C-alpha atoms as a PDB file:
ATOM      1  CA  MET A   1     -51.560  43.190 -12.914  1.00  0.00           C
ATOM      2  CA  GLU A   2     -47.694  42.637 -13.800  1.00  0.00           C
ATOM      3  CA  GLU A   3     -46.612  41.574 -17.562  1.00  0.00           C
ATOM      4  CA  ILE A   4     -43.168  39.484 -16.186  1.00  0.00           C
ATOM      5  CA  ALA A   5     -42.209  38.722 -19.652  1.00  0.00           C
ATOM      6  CA  PRO A   6     -43.695  39.086 -23.308  1.00  0.00           C
ATOM      7  CA  ASN A   7     -47.534  38.157 -22.903  1.00  0.00           C
ATOM      8  CA  ILE A   8     -46.787  36.795 -19.333  1.00  0.00           C
ATOM      9  CA  PHE A   9     -48.918  37.787 -16.699  1.00  0.00           C
ATOM     10  CA  LEU A  10     -49.014  37.792 -12.695  1.00  0.00           C
ATOM     11  CA  GLU A  11     -51.534  39.495 -10.375  1.00  0.00           C
ATOM     12  CA  ASP A  12     -50.845  39.443  -6.711  1.00  0.00           C
ATOM     13  CA  GLY A  13     -53.362  41.463  -5.569  1.00  0.00           C
ATOM     14  CA  PHE A  14     -55.935  38.854  -4.228  1.00  0.00           C
ATOM     15  CA  PRO A  15     -56.058  37.501  -1.122  1.00  0.00           C
ATOM     16  CA  GLY A  16     -54.972  33.025  -1.602  1.00  0.00           C
ATOM     17  CA  VAL A  17     -52.273  32.186  -4.559  1.00  0.00           C
ATOM     18  CA  VAL A  18     -50.584  34.154  -6.818  1.00  0.00           C
ATOM     19  CA  LEU A  19     -52.072  34.689  -9.821  1.00  0.00           C
ATOM     20  CA  SER A  20     -50.859  34.417 -13.775  1.00  0.00           C
ATOM     21  CA  ALA A  21     -51.945  34.153 -17.178  1.00  0.00           C
ATOM     22  CA  ILE A  22     -50.336  32.768 -20.460  1.00  0.00           C
ATOM     23  CA  LYS A  23     -51.498  34.098 -23.759  1.00  0.00           C
ATOM     24  CA  LEU A  24     -50.860  32.744 -26.992  1.00  0.00           C
ATOM     25  CA  LYS A  25     -51.998  33.304 -30.361  1.00  0.00           C
ATOM     26  CA  ASN A  26     -55.128  31.810 -29.872  1.00  0.00           C
ATOM     27  CA  HIS A  27     -55.126  30.262 -25.843  1.00  0.00           C
ATOM     28  CA  LEU A  28     -55.390  32.089 -22.775  1.00  0.00           C
ATOM     29  CA  LEU A  29     -53.540  29.271 -20.313  1.00  0.00           C
ATOM     30  CA  MET A  30     -54.308  30.516 -16.425  1.00  0.00           C
ATOM     31  CA  VAL A  31     -53.018  29.277 -13.827  1.00  0.00           C
ATOM     32  CA  ASP A  32     -55.251  28.922 -10.474  1.00  0.00           C
ATOM     33  CA  SER A  33     -58.275  30.794  -9.383  1.00  0.00           C
ATOM     34  CA  PRO A  34     -59.030  33.433  -6.429  1.00  0.00           C
ATOM     35  CA  PHE A  35     -61.424  31.729  -3.723  1.00  0.00           C
ATOM     36  CA  ARG A  36     -64.439  35.252  -3.513  1.00  0.00           C
ATOM     37  CA  SER A  37     -66.281  35.569  -5.871  1.00  0.00           C
ATOM     38  CA  GLU A  38     -65.962  39.284  -5.870  1.00  0.00           C
ATOM     39  CA  ASP A  39     -61.986  38.648  -6.742  1.00  0.00           C
ATOM     40  CA  ILE A  40     -63.132  36.052  -9.053  1.00  0.00           C
ATOM     41  CA  ARG A  41     -64.842  38.844 -11.413  1.00  0.00           C
ATOM     42  CA  LEU A  42     -62.816  40.701 -11.332  1.00  0.00           C
ATOM     43  CA  TRP A  43     -59.866  38.467 -12.162  1.00  0.00           C
ATOM     44  CA  ARG A  44     -61.659  37.522 -15.558  1.00  0.00           C
ATOM     45  CA  ALA A  45     -62.333  41.136 -16.158  1.00  0.00           C
ATOM     46  CA  LYS A  46     -58.588  41.382 -16.186  1.00  0.00           C
ATOM     47  CA  LEU A  47     -58.947  37.889 -18.607  1.00  0.00           C
ATOM     48  CA  ALA A  48     -61.468  39.285 -21.053  1.00  0.00           C
ATOM     49  CA  GLU A  49     -59.405  42.147 -21.436  1.00  0.00           C
ATOM     50  CA  LEU A  50     -56.393  40.094 -22.919  1.00  0.00           C
ATOM     51  CA  GLY A  51     -58.767  38.706 -25.196  1.00  0.00           C
ATOM     52  CA  SER A  52     -62.243  37.599 -25.055  1.00  0.00           C
ATOM     53  CA  GLY A  53     -61.852  34.934 -27.924  1.00  0.00           C
ATOM     54  CA  LEU A  54     -59.120  33.470 -26.697  1.00  0.00           C
ATOM     55  CA  GLU A  55     -59.909  29.397 -25.797  1.00  0.00           C
ATOM     56  CA  ARG A  56     -59.512  29.149 -22.312  1.00  0.00           C
ATOM     57  CA  THR A  57     -58.155  26.190 -19.842  1.00  0.00           C
ATOM     58  CA  LEU A  58     -57.304  27.139 -16.423  1.00  0.00           C
ATOM     59  CA  VAL A  59     -54.093  24.698 -14.795  1.00  0.00           C
ATOM     60  CA  ILE A  60     -54.398  24.147 -10.669  1.00  0.00           C
ATOM     61  CA  LEU A  61     -50.598  23.840  -9.630  1.00  0.00           C
ATOM     62  CA  ASP A  62     -52.439  21.540  -6.017  1.00  0.00           C
ATOM     63  CA  ALA A  63     -55.941  20.781  -4.564  1.00  0.00           C
ATOM     64  CA  HIS A  64     -55.191  23.411  -1.445  1.00  0.00           C
ATOM     65  CA  ILE A  65     -58.814  25.193  -0.689  1.00  0.00           C
ATOM     66  CA  ASP A  66     -56.866  28.670  -1.197  1.00  0.00           C
ATOM     67  CA  ARG A  67     -56.809  27.842  -5.398  1.00  0.00           C
ATOM     68  CA  THR A  68     -59.557  25.684  -5.663  1.00  0.00           C
ATOM     69  CA  LEU A  69     -62.321  27.075  -3.553  1.00  0.00           C
ATOM     70  CA  GLY A  70     -63.033  29.320  -6.485  1.00  0.00           C
ATOM     71  CA  LEU A  71     -62.795  26.313 -10.037  1.00  0.00           C
ATOM     72  CA  ARG A  72     -66.370  26.105 -10.727  1.00  0.00           C
ATOM     73  CA  ALA A  73     -67.018  29.916 -11.024  1.00  0.00           C
ATOM     74  CA  MET A  74     -63.955  30.331 -13.138  1.00  0.00           C
ATOM     75  CA  GLU A  75     -66.378  28.363 -15.754  1.00  0.00           C
ATOM     76  CA  SER A  76     -63.173  26.833 -17.878  1.00  0.00           C
ATOM     77  CA  VAL A  77     -61.785  24.309 -18.522  1.00  0.00           C
ATOM     78  CA  VAL A  78     -59.521  22.877 -15.810  1.00  0.00           C
ATOM     79  CA  VAL A  79     -56.132  20.292 -15.252  1.00  0.00           C
ATOM     80  CA  GLY A  80     -54.724  19.126 -12.935  1.00  0.00           C
ATOM     81  CA  HIS A  81     -52.970  16.103 -11.445  1.00  0.00           C
ATOM     82  CA  ASP A  82     -54.394  12.478 -10.547  1.00  0.00           C
ATOM     83  CA  ASN A  83     -54.488  13.182  -6.917  1.00  0.00           C
ATOM     84  CA  THR A  84     -56.570  16.398  -7.069  1.00  0.00           C
ATOM     85  CA  VAL A  85     -59.468  14.804  -7.273  1.00  0.00           C
ATOM     86  CA  GLU A  86     -59.351  12.185  -4.537  1.00  0.00           C
ATOM     87  CA  ILE A  87     -58.340  15.014  -2.514  1.00  0.00           C
ATOM     88  CA  ILE A  88     -61.603  16.903  -3.248  1.00  0.00           C
ATOM     89  CA  ARG A  89     -63.447  14.090  -3.027  1.00  0.00           C
ATOM     90  CA  GLU A  90     -62.440  13.598   0.704  1.00  0.00           C
ATOM     91  CA  ARG A  91     -63.917  17.467   1.330  1.00  0.00           C
ATOM     92  CA  PRO A  92     -67.021  18.587   3.212  1.00  0.00           C
ATOM     93  CA  ALA A  93     -69.854  20.130   1.563  1.00  0.00           C
ATOM     94  CA  SER A  94     -68.784  22.854   4.577  1.00  0.00           C
ATOM     95  CA  ALA A  95     -65.886  25.077   3.807  1.00  0.00           C
ATOM     96  CA  ARG A  96     -65.722  25.809   7.722  1.00  0.00           C
ATOM     97  CA  SER A  97     -65.146  21.874   8.771  1.00  0.00           C
ATOM     98  CA  GLN A  98     -61.843  21.053  10.529  1.00  0.00           C
ATOM     99  CA  ASP A  99     -61.197  18.425   7.974  1.00  0.00           C
ATOM    100  CA  LEU A 100     -59.949  21.676   5.389  1.00  0.00           C
ATOM    101  CA  ASP A 101     -56.533  23.196   5.052  1.00  0.00           C
ATOM    102  CA  ALA A 102     -56.376  24.215   8.613  1.00  0.00           C
ATOM    103  CA  GLY A 103     -53.617  27.275   8.302  1.00  0.00           C
ATOM    104  CA  ALA A 104     -55.008  28.727   4.750  1.00  0.00           C
ATOM    105  CA  GLU A 105     -55.857  32.556   3.926  1.00  0.00           C
ATOM    106  CA  CYS A 106     -58.987  31.952   2.593  1.00  0.00           C
ATOM    107  CA  GLU A 107     -60.079  31.111   6.828  1.00  0.00           C
ATOM    108  CA  ALA A 108     -59.810  34.759   7.514  1.00  0.00           C
ATOM    109  CA  TYR A 109     -62.345  35.837   5.397  1.00  0.00           C
ATOM    110  CA  ASP A 110     -66.244  34.700   4.670  1.00  0.00           C
ATOM    111  CA  LEU A 111     -66.670  32.248   2.292  1.00  0.00           C
ATOM    112  CA  PRO A 112     -70.385  30.112   1.547  1.00  0.00           C
ATOM    113  CA  SER A 113     -71.514  27.898   3.869  1.00  0.00           C
ATOM    114  CA  SER A 114     -71.757  25.102   1.538  1.00  0.00           C
ATOM    115  CA  ILE A 115     -69.794  24.240  -1.341  1.00  0.00           C
ATOM    116  CA  ARG A 116     -69.814  22.357  -4.529  1.00  0.00           C
ATOM    117  CA  TRP A 117     -66.597  21.382  -5.498  1.00  0.00           C
ATOM    118  CA  ALA A 118     -65.713  21.226  -9.190  1.00  0.00           C
ATOM    119  CA  LEU A 119     -62.894  18.897 -10.176  1.00  0.00           C
ATOM    120  CA  PRO A 120     -60.544  18.659 -13.209  1.00  0.00           C
ATOM    121  CA  ASN A 121     -61.845  18.095 -16.775  1.00  0.00           C
ATOM    122  CA  MET A 122     -58.415  16.895 -17.511  1.00  0.00           C
ATOM    123  CA  THR A 123     -55.555  14.839 -15.541  1.00  0.00           C
ATOM    124  CA  TYR A 124     -52.608  13.331 -15.579  1.00  0.00           C
ATOM    125  CA  THR A 125     -50.067  10.789 -13.665  1.00  0.00           C
ATOM    126  CA  LYS A 126     -46.208  11.596 -14.324  1.00  0.00           C
ATOM    127  CA  SER A 127     -46.237  14.671 -17.341  1.00  0.00           C
ATOM    128  CA  MET A 128     -48.646  16.161 -19.338  1.00  0.00           C
ATOM    129  CA  SER A 129     -47.960  18.451 -22.564  1.00  0.00           C
ATOM    130  CA  ILE A 130     -49.338  20.802 -23.988  1.00  0.00           C
ATOM    131  CA  TYR A 131     -49.046  21.925 -27.615  1.00  0.00           C
ATOM    132  CA  PHE A 132     -49.308  25.305 -28.968  1.00  0.00           C
ATOM    133  CA  ASP A 133     -47.990  27.340 -31.550  1.00  0.00           C
ATOM    134  CA  GLU A 134     -45.597  28.853 -29.267  1.00  0.00           C
ATOM    135  CA  GLY A 135     -44.207  25.429 -28.021  1.00  0.00           C
ATOM    136  CA  PRO A 136     -45.456  22.505 -25.453  1.00  0.00           C
ATOM    137  CA  VAL A 137     -46.148  23.675 -21.681  1.00  0.00           C
ATOM    138  CA  VAL A 138     -45.476  20.536 -19.537  1.00  0.00           C
ATOM    139  CA  LEU A 139     -46.973  19.283 -16.269  1.00  0.00           C
ATOM    140  CA  LYS A 140     -45.132  17.828 -13.966  1.00  0.00           C
ATOM    141  CA  HIS A 141     -45.868  15.540 -10.689  1.00  0.00           C
ATOM    142  CA  ARG A 142     -43.691  16.700  -8.151  1.00  0.00           C
ATOM    143  CA  PRO A 143     -45.270  15.676  -5.137  1.00  0.00           C
ATOM    144  CA  GLY A 144     -42.768  17.258  -2.793  1.00  0.00           C
ATOM    145  CA  SER A 145     -45.007  19.890  -1.100  1.00  0.00           C
ATOM    146  CA  ASN A 146     -48.665  18.349  -1.608  1.00  0.00           C
ATOM    147  CA  LEU A 147     -49.550  14.662  -3.304  1.00  0.00           C
ATOM    148  CA  ALA A 148     -51.323  16.503  -6.424  1.00  0.00           C
ATOM    149  CA  CYS A 149     -48.731  19.456  -7.094  1.00  0.00           C
ATOM    150  CA  SER A 150     -47.892  20.329 -10.345  1.00  0.00           C
ATOM    151  CA  TRP A 151     -45.054  22.364 -11.455  1.00  0.00           C
ATOM    152  CA  LEU A 152     -45.764  24.209 -15.041  1.00  0.00           C
ATOM    153  CA  GLN A 153     -42.731  24.304 -17.522  1.00  0.00           C
ATOM    154  CA  PHE A 154     -42.268  26.714 -20.525  1.00  0.00           C
ATOM    155  CA  ASP A 155     -39.408  26.508 -21.851  1.00  0.00           C
ATOM    156  CA  ALA A 156     -40.349  29.044 -24.591  1.00  0.00           C
ATOM    157  CA  GLU A 157     -40.271  31.084 -22.445  1.00  0.00           C
ATOM    158  CA  LYS A 158     -37.775  29.722 -20.036  1.00  0.00           C
ATOM    159  CA  LEU A 159     -40.008  30.262 -17.306  1.00  0.00           C
ATOM    160  CA  ILE A 160     -41.116  27.271 -14.272  1.00  0.00           C
ATOM    161  CA  PHE A 161     -44.310  27.696 -12.102  1.00  0.00           C
ATOM    162  CA  VAL A 162     -44.124  25.511  -9.049  1.00  0.00           C
ATOM    163  CA  GLY A 163     -46.665  26.046  -7.146  1.00  0.00           C
ATOM    164  CA  ASP A 164     -46.010  25.791  -2.754  1.00  0.00           C
ATOM    165  CA  SER A 165     -42.817  24.431  -3.560  1.00  0.00           C
ATOM    166  CA  VAL A 166     -41.490  27.105  -2.533  1.00  0.00           C
ATOM    167  CA  MET A 167     -42.379  29.569   0.225  1.00  0.00           C
ATOM    168  CA  ILE A 168     -40.609  32.633   1.384  1.00  0.00           C
ATOM    169  CA  ASN A 169     -41.264  33.960   5.073  1.00  0.00           C
ATOM    170  CA  GLN A 170     -43.783  31.171   5.702  1.00  0.00           C
ATOM    171  CA  PRO A 171     -44.283  28.056   6.884  1.00  0.00           C
ATOM    172  CA  PRO A 172     -44.911  25.499   4.690  1.00  0.00           C
ATOM    173  CA  PHE A 173     -48.093  23.391   4.218  1.00  0.00           C
ATOM    174  CA  LEU A 174     -47.520  19.724   5.644  1.00  0.00           C
ATOM    175  CA  ALA A 175     -50.697  17.912   5.584  1.00  0.00           C
ATOM    176  CA  TRP A 176     -50.448  16.739   2.045  1.00  0.00           C
ATOM    177  CA  ALA A 177     -46.390  16.976   1.788  1.00  0.00           C
ATOM    178  CA  ASP A 178     -43.502  13.963   2.182  1.00  0.00           C
ATOM    179  CA  LEU A 179     -40.393  16.060   3.020  1.00  0.00           C
ATOM    180  CA  ASP A 180     -38.626  13.934   1.617  1.00  0.00           C
ATOM    181  CA  ILE A 181     -39.381  14.039  -1.976  1.00  0.00           C
ATOM    182  CA  TRP A 182     -39.517  18.368  -1.354  1.00  0.00           C
ATOM    183  CA  VAL A 183     -36.152  18.701  -0.492  1.00  0.00           C
ATOM    184  CA  LYS A 184     -35.195  16.798  -3.342  1.00  0.00           C
ATOM    185  CA  GLU A 185     -37.499  18.961  -5.819  1.00  0.00           C
ATOM    186  CA  VAL A 186     -35.872  22.145  -4.120  1.00  0.00           C
ATOM    187  CA  GLU A 187     -32.685  21.078  -5.135  1.00  0.00           C
ATOM    188  CA  GLU A 188     -33.780  20.017  -8.502  1.00  0.00           C
ATOM    189  CA  LEU A 189     -34.458  24.116  -8.968  1.00  0.00           C
ATOM    190  CA  LEU A 190     -31.242  25.207  -7.655  1.00  0.00           C
ATOM    191  CA  SER A 191     -29.441  22.683 -10.346  1.00  0.00           C
ATOM    192  CA  VAL A 192     -28.040  23.500 -14.147  1.00  0.00           C
ATOM    193  CA  ASP A 193     -31.273  22.686 -15.043  1.00  0.00           C
ATOM    194  CA  PHE A 194     -33.267  25.835 -14.247  1.00  0.00           C
ATOM    195  CA  ARG A 195     -30.317  28.109 -15.183  1.00  0.00           C
ATOM    196  CA  GLY A 196     -31.774  31.164 -16.334  1.00  0.00           C
ATOM    197  CA  TYR A 197     -34.883  30.311 -16.145  1.00  0.00           C
ATOM    198  CA  LYS A 198     -37.743  32.863 -13.687  1.00  0.00           C
ATOM    199  CA  ILE A 199     -39.191  30.160 -10.983  1.00  0.00           C
ATOM    200  CA  ILE A 200     -42.763  32.043  -9.948  1.00  0.00           C
ATOM    201  CA  THR A 201     -44.553  31.057  -6.881  1.00  0.00           C
ATOM    202  CA  SER A 202     -47.630  30.531  -5.885  1.00  0.00           C
ATOM    203  CA  ARG A 203     -47.226  32.102  -2.393  1.00  0.00           C
ATOM    204  CA  ASN A 204     -44.370  35.072  -3.877  1.00  0.00           C
ATOM    205  CA  GLY A 205     -44.453  35.289  -7.281  1.00  0.00           C
ATOM    206  CA  VAL A 206     -41.120  35.421  -9.156  1.00  0.00           C
ATOM    207  CA  VAL A 207     -38.103  34.153  -6.887  1.00  0.00           C
ATOM    208  CA  ARG A 208     -34.586  34.541  -7.099  1.00  0.00           C
ATOM    209  CA  SER A 209     -31.992  30.998  -6.473  1.00  0.00           C
ATOM    210  CA  LYS A 210     -31.180  33.133  -3.297  1.00  0.00           C
ATOM    211  CA  SER A 211     -34.136  32.790  -1.678  1.00  0.00           C
ATOM    212  CA  ILE A 212     -34.753  29.225  -2.754  1.00  0.00           C
ATOM    213  CA  GLU A 213     -31.563  28.093  -1.356  1.00  0.00           C
ATOM    214  CA  LYS A 214     -32.717  29.819   2.024  1.00  0.00           C
ATOM    215  CA  TRP A 215     -36.225  28.449   1.314  1.00  0.00           C
ATOM    216  CA  LEU A 216     -33.976  25.019   0.646  1.00  0.00           C
ATOM    217  CA  GLN A 217     -32.211  25.005   4.588  1.00  0.00           C
ATOM    218  CA  TYR A 218     -35.456  26.018   6.189  1.00  0.00           C
ATOM    219  CA  LEU A 219     -37.135  22.790   4.815  1.00  0.00           C
ATOM    220  CA  THR A 220     -34.372  20.678   5.560  1.00  0.00           C
ATOM    221  CA  ARG A 221     -34.359  22.334   9.144  1.00  0.00           C
ATOM    222  CA  VAL A 222     -38.263  21.046   9.715  1.00  0.00           C
ATOM    223  CA  LYS A 223     -37.525  17.923   7.469  1.00  0.00           C
ATOM    224  CA  ASP A 224     -34.671  17.121  10.247  1.00  0.00           C
ATOM    225  CA  VAL A 225     -36.617  17.807  13.465  1.00  0.00           C
ATOM    226  CA  VAL A 226     -39.818  16.117  12.445  1.00  0.00           C
ATOM    227  CA  PHE A 227     -37.963  13.280  12.377  1.00  0.00           C
ATOM    228  CA  ASN A 228     -36.031  13.516  15.048  1.00  0.00           C
ATOM    229  CA  GLU A 229     -39.090  14.365  16.825  1.00  0.00           C
ATOM    230  CA  ALA A 230     -41.202  11.764  15.254  1.00  0.00           C
ATOM    231  CA  SER A 231     -38.275   8.710  16.115  1.00  0.00           C
ATOM    232  CA  GLY A 232     -38.415   9.725  19.412  1.00  0.00           C
ATOM    233  CA  SER A 233     -41.260  10.077  22.033  1.00  0.00           C
ATOM    234  CA  GLY A 234     -43.777   8.599  19.391  1.00  0.00           C
ATOM    235  CA  GLN A 235     -46.292  11.167  20.654  1.00  0.00           C
ATOM    236  CA  VAL A 236     -47.662  13.969  18.650  1.00  0.00           C
ATOM    237  CA  GLU A 237     -47.588  16.013  21.335  1.00  0.00           C
ATOM    238  CA  ASP A 238     -43.800  16.647  21.216  1.00  0.00           C
ATOM    239  CA  LEU A 239     -44.161  17.207  17.593  1.00  0.00           C
ATOM    240  CA  LEU A 240     -46.273  19.884  18.012  1.00  0.00           C
ATOM    241  CA  ALA A 241     -43.550  21.217  20.070  1.00  0.00           C
ATOM    242  CA  ILE A 242     -41.225  22.349  17.970  1.00  0.00           C
ATOM    243  CA  VAL A 243     -43.999  24.896  16.060  1.00  0.00           C
ATOM    244  CA  PRO A 244     -41.994  27.504  17.979  1.00  0.00           C
ATOM    245  CA  ASP A 245     -38.446  26.595  17.315  1.00  0.00           C
ATOM    246  CA  LEU A 246     -39.514  26.937  13.685  1.00  0.00           C
ATOM    247  CA  LEU A 247     -41.403  30.482  13.116  1.00  0.00           C
ATOM    248  CA  LYS A 248     -38.702  32.010  14.980  1.00  0.00           C
ATOM    249  CA  ARG A 249     -36.850  31.150  12.061  1.00  0.00           C
ATOM    250  CA  LEU A 250     -39.318  32.970   9.604  1.00  0.00           C
ATOM    251  CA  ASN A 251     -39.342  36.961   9.232  1.00  0.00           C
ATOM    252  CA  PHE A 252     -42.971  37.870   9.039  1.00  0.00           C
ATOM    253  CA  THR A 253     -45.515  40.019  10.420  1.00  0.00           C
ATOM    254  CA  ARG A 254     -46.500  39.304  13.789  1.00  0.00           C
ATOM    255  CA  ASN A 255     -49.943  39.460  13.282  1.00  0.00           C
ATOM    256  CA  LEU A 256     -50.155  36.164  11.090  1.00  0.00           C
ATOM    257  CA  THR A 257     -48.308  34.612  14.406  1.00  0.00           C
ATOM    258  CA  GLU A 258     -51.723  32.222  15.328  1.00  0.00           C
ATOM    259  CA  LEU A 259     -52.540  31.505  11.618  1.00  0.00           C
ATOM    260  CA  TYR A 260     -48.743  30.438  11.232  1.00  0.00           C
ATOM    261  CA  GLU A 261     -48.815  28.445  13.806  1.00  0.00           C
ATOM    262  CA  THR A 262     -52.294  27.162  12.966  1.00  0.00           C
ATOM    263  CA  ARG A 263     -50.502  26.204   9.952  1.00  0.00           C
ATOM    264  CA  LEU A 264     -47.800  23.952  11.152  1.00  0.00           C
ATOM    265  CA  LYS A 265     -50.055  22.427  14.436  1.00  0.00           C
ATOM    266  CA  TRP A 266     -52.325  21.103  11.682  1.00  0.00           C
ATOM    267  CA  GLY A 267     -50.246  20.159   8.817  1.00  0.00           C
ATOM    268  CA  LEU A 268     -47.684  18.286  11.768  1.00  0.00           C
ATOM    269  CA  ALA A 269     -50.509  16.374  13.026  1.00  0.00           C
ATOM    270  CA  ALA A 270     -51.399  15.851   9.567  1.00  0.00           C
ATOM    271  CA  TYR A 271     -48.176  15.112   8.429  1.00  0.00           C
ATOM    272  CA  TYR A 272     -48.077  12.927  11.333  1.00  0.00           C
ATOM    273  CA  ARG A 273     -51.119  10.650  10.928  1.00  0.00           C
ATOM    274  CA  ARG A 274     -49.809   9.710   7.582  1.00  0.00           C
ATOM    275  CA  HIS A 275     -46.341   8.987   8.142  1.00  0.00           C
ATOM    276  CA  PHE A 276     -45.578   7.535  11.333  1.00  0.00           C
ATOM    277  CA  LEU A 277     -49.092   6.587  12.885  1.00  0.00           C
ATOM    278  CA  ALA A 278     -49.952   2.460  12.474  1.00  0.00           C
ATOM    279  CA  ASP A 279     -53.603   2.317  11.957  1.00  0.00           C
ATOM    280  CA  ASP A 280     -54.591   1.218  15.568  1.00  0.00           C
ATOM    281  CA  GLN A 281     -53.203   5.324  16.484  1.00  0.00           C
ATOM    282  CA  LEU A 282     -54.724   7.246  14.657  1.00  0.00           C
ATOM    283  CA  LEU A 283     -57.630   7.699  16.933  1.00  0.00           C
ATOM    284  CA  LYS A 284     -55.690   9.578  19.274  1.00  0.00           C
ATOM    285  CA  SER A 285     -53.931  11.618  16.547  1.00  0.00           C
ATOM    286  CA  ASP A 286     -57.357  12.930  15.580  1.00  0.00           C
ATOM    287  CA  ASP A 287     -58.334  13.915  18.923  1.00  0.00           C
ATOM    288  CA  SER A 288     -55.315  16.338  19.096  1.00  0.00           C
ATOM    289  CA  CYS A 289     -55.685  17.354  15.710  1.00  0.00           C
ATOM    290  CA  LYS A 290     -58.710  19.010  16.584  1.00  0.00           C
ATOM    291  CA  SER A 291     -57.605  20.709  20.150  1.00  0.00           C
END
């Protein structure tokens, strides 16, 4: 666990998302959760060292399975965006169903055969402020990377947690995304509004502006090719053909190729369903997605 600012801690030693904890005067604010039971126990032990008597609140930055699978075991009040509730409610009880986020890191691990999904205890629609002695923590809805994505902003320490809005050298999760909005949100991170802020992402931890600029270029490329293919032949198979080109633009170890191919194929097919297909075409796209 690394202290990146006074009483602000990051933990990147578990599979899944980078975890965070903000130790306040009488409260411990946690950001996201591990998904494996053994990691949850270890993470809770580490958090106890920060102050076992503190009240605790857990914020989830979107509804992705990597950060929601372990919610119930965290035994905490959970805060998230309204859309998180609907996304989780639509999930099957089996963690191995194809309806979950294919290409997620948790798929490489043994998962329980059935899951009792936990829902947030508190939700918001556009923004939400939680007030502490040190100043407010503000949650803002940023639905580019995920319909349920939240950014957590803590102005007292000039920190902003942006979830999967920025992902360095790995492909995006596209199933619940909106690429037009997403590109604008990344541009916002590069604006003067966040000059001097530490920007923390869920897959890479603290990132610098040059990395965000590269991500913006990549994301713009994804948006352009998706819209070009979708407005051309209108076939999901043609859209999936762009996967090799999108992967070769990223720098990652080759043993992740299959995982990232799956992530892009599944995400592109789901994106195509949501944004480009008429209702009478959905069955064909569902079949393509499972092939």
